[in-house]
Protein backbone atom coordinates (compact mmCIF):
# COMPACT_ATOMS: atom_id res chain seq x y z
CA MET A 1 0.00 0.00 0.00
CA LYS A 2 2.77 2.43 0.96
CA LYS A 3 4.67 1.63 -2.24
CA ARG A 4 1.56 2.20 -4.40
CA ARG A 5 0.79 5.48 -2.60
CA LYS A 6 4.36 6.62 -3.18
CA LEU A 7 4.07 5.80 -6.90
CA ASN A 8 0.81 7.78 -7.15
CA THR A 9 2.43 10.75 -5.43
CA ASN A 10 5.38 10.60 -7.83
CA ASN A 11 3.03 10.45 -10.81
CA VAL A 12 1.15 13.53 -9.59
CA MET A 13 4.41 15.41 -9.10
CA ILE A 14 5.58 14.48 -12.61
CA ILE A 15 2.28 15.68 -14.09
CA LEU A 16 2.43 18.95 -12.14
CA VAL A 17 6.01 19.59 -13.20
CA PHE A 18 5.07 18.85 -16.82
CA ILE A 19 2.12 21.26 -16.65
CA LEU A 20 4.29 23.98 -15.12
CA MET A 21 6.98 23.52 -17.75
CA LEU A 22 4.40 23.50 -20.54
CA SER A 23 2.78 26.67 -19.17
CA PHE A 24 6.17 28.34 -18.90
CA CYS A 25 7.02 27.42 -22.49
CA ILE A 26 3.66 28.68 -23.73
CA CYS A 27 4.17 31.99 -21.90
CA ILE A 28 7.61 32.37 -23.43
CA ILE A 29 6.29 31.64 -26.94
CA VAL A 30 3.22 33.87 -26.58
CA LYS A 31 5.33 36.79 -25.39
CA SER A 32 7.90 36.33 -28.13
CA ASP A 33 8.03 38.49 -31.25
CA LEU A 34 6.36 35.63 -33.14
CA PHE A 35 3.04 37.07 -31.92
CA ASP A 36 3.87 40.72 -32.54
CA VAL A 37 1.26 42.19 -34.89
CA LYS A 38 2.67 42.76 -38.37
CA LYS A 39 -0.55 43.61 -40.19
CA ILE A 40 -4.03 44.99 -39.50
CA ASP A 41 -6.58 44.31 -42.24
CA VAL A 42 -9.79 46.35 -42.54
CA ILE A 43 -12.66 44.91 -44.59
CA GLY A 44 -16.16 46.18 -45.36
CA ASN A 45 -15.17 49.85 -45.33
CA LYS A 46 -16.19 52.16 -48.16
CA ARG A 47 -16.45 55.67 -46.75
CA VAL A 48 -14.35 55.20 -43.63
CA THR A 49 -10.72 54.94 -44.70
CA LYS A 50 -8.24 52.59 -43.11
CA SER A 51 -6.04 55.54 -42.14
CA ASN A 52 -8.96 57.13 -40.25
CA ILE A 53 -9.65 53.84 -38.50
CA MET A 54 -6.03 53.51 -37.40
CA LYS A 55 -6.07 57.11 -36.22
CA GLU A 56 -9.24 56.58 -34.18
CA LEU A 57 -7.87 53.39 -32.64
CA ASN A 58 -4.46 54.93 -31.93
CA VAL A 59 -2.80 51.51 -32.08
CA ASN A 60 0.65 50.55 -33.25
CA LEU A 61 2.06 47.55 -35.04
CA ASN A 62 4.67 45.28 -33.46
CA GLU A 63 2.75 45.00 -30.19
CA ASN A 64 1.83 41.56 -28.88
CA ILE A 65 -1.39 40.34 -30.49
CA PHE A 66 -2.84 39.40 -27.10
CA ALA A 67 -2.17 42.87 -25.66
CA TYR A 68 -4.86 44.54 -27.79
CA ASN A 69 -8.14 45.22 -26.01
CA PHE A 70 -10.73 44.43 -28.67
CA LYS A 71 -13.62 45.68 -26.55
CA ASP A 72 -12.04 49.14 -26.25
CA MET A 73 -11.18 49.14 -29.95
CA LYS A 74 -14.76 48.30 -30.88
CA ASN A 75 -16.17 51.00 -28.58
CA LYS A 76 -13.93 53.60 -30.22
CA LEU A 77 -14.93 52.65 -33.75
CA ILE A 78 -18.66 52.40 -33.09
CA LYS A 79 -18.65 56.12 -32.22
CA ASN A 80 -18.02 56.89 -35.88
CA PRO A 81 -21.46 57.86 -37.30
CA TYR A 82 -20.86 55.85 -40.48
CA ILE A 83 -20.13 52.59 -38.63
CA GLU A 84 -23.08 50.37 -37.73
CA ASN A 85 -21.26 47.28 -36.49
CA VAL A 86 -17.69 46.11 -35.81
CA GLU A 87 -16.11 42.68 -35.44
CA ILE A 88 -12.43 42.29 -34.55
CA LYS A 89 -10.60 38.97 -34.73
CA ARG A 90 -7.08 37.67 -34.27
CA LYS A 91 -5.52 35.61 -37.02
CA LEU A 92 -2.56 33.95 -35.41
CA PRO A 93 0.26 34.44 -35.26
CA ASN A 94 0.52 38.13 -36.20
CA LYS A 95 -2.55 39.60 -37.91
CA ILE A 96 -5.69 41.43 -36.75
CA ILE A 97 -8.80 41.59 -38.94
CA ILE A 98 -11.33 44.41 -38.44
CA SER A 99 -14.67 43.79 -40.18
CA LEU A 100 -16.98 46.79 -40.55
CA LYS A 101 -20.60 47.18 -41.51
CA GLU A 102 -21.20 50.75 -42.61
CA LYS A 103 -24.50 52.60 -42.58
CA GLU A 104 -25.95 53.45 -45.95
CA ILE A 105 -26.64 57.04 -46.92
CA PHE A 106 -30.43 57.25 -47.05
CA ALA A 107 -30.52 60.73 -48.53
CA VAL A 108 -28.69 64.02 -48.85
CA LEU A 109 -30.56 66.86 -47.17
CA LYS A 110 -30.15 70.29 -48.74
CA ASP A 111 -31.01 73.69 -47.30
CA GLU A 112 -29.71 76.55 -49.44
CA ASP A 113 -25.95 75.89 -49.77
CA ASN A 114 -25.70 73.45 -46.87
CA TYR A 115 -25.83 69.68 -47.28
CA CYS A 116 -25.75 66.72 -44.94
CA TYR A 117 -25.94 62.94 -45.21
CA ILE A 118 -28.51 61.05 -43.13
CA ASP A 119 -29.13 57.35 -42.52
CA LYS A 120 -32.46 55.54 -42.72
CA LYS A 121 -33.31 56.55 -39.14
CA GLY A 122 -32.69 60.24 -39.76
CA ASN A 123 -29.37 60.33 -37.91
CA LEU A 124 -26.69 62.71 -39.11
CA LEU A 125 -23.81 60.95 -40.84
CA GLU A 126 -21.84 63.90 -42.11
CA GLU A 127 -22.29 67.64 -42.52
CA LEU A 128 -21.06 69.32 -45.71
CA ARG A 129 -21.11 73.08 -45.62
CA GLY A 130 -21.36 74.70 -49.03
CA SER A 131 -20.82 71.56 -51.08
CA ASN A 132 -22.36 68.28 -52.07
CA GLU A 133 -19.62 65.71 -52.55
CA SER A 134 -21.95 62.93 -53.62
CA LYS A 135 -23.39 63.06 -57.12
CA LYS A 136 -25.10 59.67 -56.98
CA ASP A 137 -27.23 60.07 -53.84
CA LEU A 138 -30.75 61.46 -53.84
CA ILE A 139 -30.95 65.11 -52.74
CA VAL A 140 -33.89 66.31 -50.65
CA ASP A 141 -34.42 70.08 -50.55
CA VAL A 142 -36.05 70.71 -47.17
CA ASP A 143 -35.95 73.08 -44.19
CA TYR A 144 -33.69 71.63 -41.51
CA SER A 145 -30.98 72.57 -39.04
CA ILE A 146 -28.32 70.78 -37.01
CA ASP A 147 -28.20 71.38 -33.26
CA ASP A 148 -25.18 71.37 -30.93
CA ASN A 149 -25.63 67.64 -30.31
CA LYS A 150 -25.26 66.95 -34.04
CA SER A 151 -28.91 65.96 -34.38
CA ILE A 152 -31.11 66.82 -37.35
CA LYS A 153 -33.94 69.22 -36.53
CA PHE A 154 -36.68 69.61 -39.12
CA LYS A 155 -39.00 72.60 -39.36
CA ASN A 156 -41.71 70.53 -37.64
CA TYR A 157 -42.80 66.93 -37.23
CA LYS A 158 -44.85 67.00 -40.44
CA THR A 159 -41.79 68.03 -42.44
CA LYS A 160 -39.83 65.08 -41.07
CA GLU A 161 -42.75 62.77 -41.78
CA ASN A 162 -42.95 64.04 -45.37
CA VAL A 163 -39.26 63.30 -45.96
CA PHE A 164 -39.35 59.69 -44.83
CA LYS A 165 -42.82 58.97 -46.18
CA THR A 166 -41.88 60.18 -49.66
CA LEU A 167 -38.51 58.42 -49.78
CA ASN A 168 -39.94 55.15 -48.48
CA TYR A 169 -42.68 55.21 -51.12
CA LEU A 170 -40.01 55.72 -53.77
CA LYS A 171 -38.10 52.72 -52.42
CA GLU A 172 -41.22 50.55 -52.31
CA GLU A 173 -41.92 51.32 -55.96
CA GLY A 174 -38.32 50.61 -56.95
CA ILE A 175 -37.67 54.08 -58.39
CA TYR A 176 -35.57 55.54 -55.57
CA ARG A 177 -32.36 55.24 -57.63
CA LYS A 178 -34.02 56.86 -60.63
CA ILE A 179 -34.72 60.08 -58.71
CA ASN A 180 -31.99 62.68 -58.43
CA TYR A 181 -33.77 65.49 -56.58
CA VAL A 182 -36.88 65.97 -54.38
CA ASN A 183 -38.14 69.41 -53.33
CA LEU A 184 -40.16 69.33 -50.10
CA LYS A 185 -39.98 73.04 -49.30
CA LYS A 186 -43.75 73.33 -49.86
CA GLU A 187 -45.90 71.19 -47.60
CA SER A 188 -48.73 70.78 -50.13
CA ASN A 189 -46.72 70.06 -53.30
CA ILE A 190 -43.76 67.90 -54.20
CA GLU A 191 -41.39 68.38 -57.12
CA MET A 192 -38.96 65.72 -58.27
CA LEU A 193 -36.34 65.40 -60.97
CA THR A 194 -35.21 62.06 -62.37
CA ARG A 195 -31.71 61.18 -63.51
CA SER A 196 -33.03 61.28 -67.08
CA ASN A 197 -34.06 64.92 -66.50
CA ILE A 198 -37.82 64.32 -66.21
CA LYS A 199 -39.63 66.69 -63.85
CA ILE A 200 -42.42 65.23 -61.69
CA LEU A 201 -45.16 67.34 -60.09
CA LEU A 202 -47.56 65.85 -57.55
CA SER A 203 -49.65 66.80 -54.52
CA ASN A 204 -48.52 65.89 -51.03
CA ASP A 205 -51.80 64.37 -49.87
CA ASP A 206 -53.33 61.07 -48.78
CA ASN A 207 -52.92 59.71 -52.31
CA LEU A 208 -49.15 60.16 -52.37
CA ASP A 209 -48.38 56.43 -52.33
CA TYR A 210 -50.85 55.81 -55.17
CA ASN A 211 -49.48 58.69 -57.22
CA ILE A 212 -45.89 57.53 -56.77
CA SER A 213 -46.93 54.08 -58.01
CA ARG A 214 -48.38 55.85 -61.08
CA VAL A 215 -45.09 57.70 -61.52
CA SER A 216 -43.28 54.35 -61.51
CA LYS A 217 -45.44 53.00 -64.36
CA ILE A 218 -45.13 56.22 -66.38
CA LEU A 219 -41.33 56.23 -66.03
CA ILE A 220 -41.18 52.62 -67.25
CA ASP A 221 -43.31 53.56 -70.26
CA LEU A 222 -41.11 56.58 -71.06
CA GLN A 223 -37.98 54.49 -70.66
CA ASN A 224 -39.32 51.89 -73.09
CA LYS A 225 -39.86 54.73 -75.57
CA ASN A 226 -36.32 56.06 -74.94
CA THR A 227 -37.83 59.37 -73.80
CA ASN A 228 -35.82 61.76 -71.66
CA GLY A 229 -36.76 65.17 -70.30
CA GLY A 230 -40.21 66.70 -70.11
CA THR A 231 -42.69 66.97 -67.23
CA ILE A 232 -45.08 64.49 -65.58
CA ASN A 233 -47.92 66.36 -63.86
CA LEU A 234 -50.16 64.42 -61.48
CA ASN A 235 -51.95 67.46 -60.04
CA TYR A 236 -55.08 66.80 -62.10
CA GLY A 237 -56.70 64.09 -60.00
CA LYS A 238 -56.73 60.75 -61.82
CA LEU A 239 -55.43 62.37 -64.98
CA ALA A 240 -51.68 62.16 -65.61
CA VAL A 241 -50.29 64.72 -68.05
CA TYR A 242 -46.91 64.37 -69.74
CA SER A 243 -45.46 67.40 -71.50
CA PRO A 244 -42.44 66.77 -73.75
CA GLU A 245 -39.34 68.86 -73.39
CA GLY A 246 -39.47 72.19 -75.22
């Protein structure tokens, strides 16, 4: 019995020594320059540049890959108004991968010479004073301001409702990308301009969704006829009037 107990004790000691040595070796390897970060890849970014991301993170290469606090890094990046979601992963031995999901620009708001980008929830993405950098996004001419907290303030609730109601109807009908400009300065009337230079006039009333569906069909018909320019007027009740250019 004593001999067996002694053997068991020796076995336990051998195992403990092995574990300690293994742990020590792992620590040495992990802390070696083998795991110093040599590259940080950023994927999924379109508007947010890699240089801006590195600047916001304020991180350096050649630090140990396990020394980076991914939670803090994510919290820093998510403050960027363009970034909706962030995932950060280690790719051993020496690379970090940052995956971004950016918010889409829902529209460009315009008020005189001031422009700003907003997302689908009406949050400010970027303010552009005196210029519109984007030529492919839909421009909405509307009364708005930006407060000290960088929040969009519309003239009143109805104005805000008109913006999102109109744009969502355009999306539902699949013609959002065909529209270049929407004027919502007047509460009772809406003016639009397509990318093929067709002006659209319609009333801002309870039939707006129906009238926008009519616009969709008329634009398809004009496209099939290779017709550009002119005016579509839906201010005559059920009657739609198209006037050719010139």
